[in-house]
C-alpha atoms as a PDB file:
ATOM      1  CA  MET A   1       0.000   0.000   0.000  1.00  0.00           C
ATOM      2  CA  GLY A   2       1.066   3.533  -0.817  1.00  0.00           C
ATOM      3  CA  GLU A   3       4.188   5.530  -0.055  1.00  0.00           C
ATOM      4  CA  LYS A   4       5.036   3.916   3.266  1.00  0.00           C
ATOM      5  CA  ARG A   5       5.033   0.436   1.705  1.00  0.00           C
ATOM      6  CA  ILE A   6       2.765  -1.160   4.265  1.00  0.00           C
ATOM      7  CA  ARG A   7       0.612  -4.185   3.516  1.00  0.00           C
ATOM      8  CA  GLN A   8      -3.123  -4.126   4.142  1.00  0.00           C
ATOM      9  CA  ALA A   9      -2.786  -6.901   6.716  1.00  0.00           C
ATOM     10  CA  GLU A  10      -0.144  -4.927   8.635  1.00  0.00           C
ATOM     11  CA  LEU A  11      -2.202  -1.729   8.526  1.00  0.00           C
ATOM     12  CA  ALA A  12      -5.314  -3.627   9.624  1.00  0.00           C
ATOM     13  CA  LEU A  13      -3.374  -5.022  12.579  1.00  0.00           C
ATOM     14  CA  LYS A  14      -2.198  -1.518  13.574  1.00  0.00           C
ATOM     15  CA  LEU A  15      -5.787  -0.255  13.345  1.00  0.00           C
ATOM     16  CA  GLY A  16      -7.272  -3.188  15.222  1.00  0.00           C
ATOM     17  CA  VAL A  17      -9.567  -4.265  12.373  1.00  0.00           C
ATOM     18  CA  SER A  18      -9.614  -7.321  10.151  1.00  0.00           C
ATOM     19  CA  GLN A  19      -7.938  -7.203   6.748  1.00  0.00           C
ATOM     20  CA  PRO A  20     -11.258  -7.856   4.946  1.00  0.00           C
ATOM     21  CA  SER A  21     -12.854  -4.982   6.878  1.00  0.00           C
ATOM     22  CA  LEU A  22     -10.030  -2.633   5.899  1.00  0.00           C
ATOM     23  CA  SER A  23     -10.234  -3.857   2.301  1.00  0.00           C
ATOM     24  CA  ARG A  24     -13.961  -2.995   2.142  1.00  0.00           C
ATOM     25  CA  ARG A  25     -13.155   0.547   3.282  1.00  0.00           C
ATOM     26  CA  LEU A  26     -10.260   0.972   0.855  1.00  0.00           C
ATOM     27  CA  ASN A  27     -12.383  -0.336  -2.023  1.00  0.00           C
ATOM     28  CA  GLY A  28     -15.165   2.124  -1.197  1.00  0.00           C
ATOM     29  CA  ASP A  29     -17.680  -0.543  -0.197  1.00  0.00           C
ATOM     30  CA  ARG A  30     -17.848   0.995   3.292  1.00  0.00           C
ATOM     31  CA  ALA A  31     -17.022   4.554   4.318  1.00  0.00           C
ATOM     32  CA  PHE A  32     -14.292   5.397   6.790  1.00  0.00           C
ATOM     33  CA  GLU A  33     -15.392   7.060  10.016  1.00  0.00           C
ATOM     34  CA  LEU A  34     -13.507  10.275  10.895  1.00  0.00           C
ATOM     35  CA  ASN A  35     -11.592   8.577  13.714  1.00  0.00           C
ATOM     36  CA  GLU A  36     -10.575   5.796  11.303  1.00  0.00           C
ATOM     37  CA  VAL A  37      -9.201   8.350   8.827  1.00  0.00           C
ATOM     38  CA  GLU A  38      -7.162   9.867  11.656  1.00  0.00           C
ATOM     39  CA  GLN A  39      -5.881   6.415  12.687  1.00  0.00           C
ATOM     40  CA  VAL A  40      -4.894   5.497   9.117  1.00  0.00           C
ATOM     41  CA  ALA A  41      -3.125   8.839   8.670  1.00  0.00           C
ATOM     42  CA  ALA A  42      -1.218   8.344  11.930  1.00  0.00           C
ATOM     43  CA  ALA A  43      -0.237   4.791  10.957  1.00  0.00           C
ATOM     44  CA  LEU A  44       1.079   6.047   7.609  1.00  0.00           C
ATOM     45  CA  ALA A  45       2.750   9.124   9.164  1.00  0.00           C
ATOM     46  CA  VAL A  46       0.801  11.578   7.005  1.00  0.00           C
ATOM     47  CA  SER A  47      -1.805  14.184   7.814  1.00  0.00           C
ATOM     48  CA  PRO A  48      -5.501  13.367   7.409  1.00  0.00           C
ATOM     49  CA  ALA A  49      -5.691  16.267   4.914  1.00  0.00           C
ATOM     50  CA  TYR A  50      -2.979  14.658   2.775  1.00  0.00           C
ATOM     51  CA  LEU A  51      -4.603  11.253   3.025  1.00  0.00           C
ATOM     52  CA  LEU A  52      -7.914  12.680   1.798  1.00  0.00           C
ATOM     53  CA  GLY A  53      -6.301  14.673  -1.016  1.00  0.00           C
ATOM     54  CA  PHE A  54      -6.836  18.122   0.526  1.00  0.00           C
ATOM     55  CA  ALA A  55      -3.129  18.899   0.952  1.00  0.00           C
ATOM     56  CA  ALA A  56      -0.181  18.400  -1.368  1.00  0.00           C
ATOM     57  CA  ASP A  57       2.276  18.340   1.542  1.00  0.00           C
ATOM     58  CA  ARG A  58       2.037  15.055   3.428  1.00  0.00           C
ATOM     59  CA  GLU A  59       2.874  16.816   6.712  1.00  0.00           C
ATOM     60  CA  VAL A  60       0.348  19.681   6.507  1.00  0.00           C
ATOM     61  CA  GLY A  61      -1.844  19.464   9.563  1.00  0.00           C
ATOM     62  CA  LEU A  62       0.391  17.083  11.523  1.00  0.00           C
ATOM     63  CA  PRO A  63       0.996  18.036  15.129  1.00  0.00           C
ATOM     64  CA  MET A  64       4.499  19.366  15.772  1.00  0.00           C
ATOM     65  CA  GLY A  65       6.965  16.592  16.548  1.00  0.00           C
ATOM     66  CA  ASN A  66       5.325  14.004  14.272  1.00  0.00           C
ATOM     67  CA  HIS A  67       7.525  14.861  11.291  1.00  0.00           C
END
């Protein structure tokens, strides 16, 4: 998956969800909740704004010290 080169199964484990559940969200079959977007962004070390395509800089919106 993506820039950080993390597998879905590894990301699912970090998020505390099953890989099929994460896959449904990533495929658009189920929407992410806001807290899930924040968790995914944190796991990938990017801002939620970057993850959602609202920022070109992957660190925009990250709390100081996270980059």
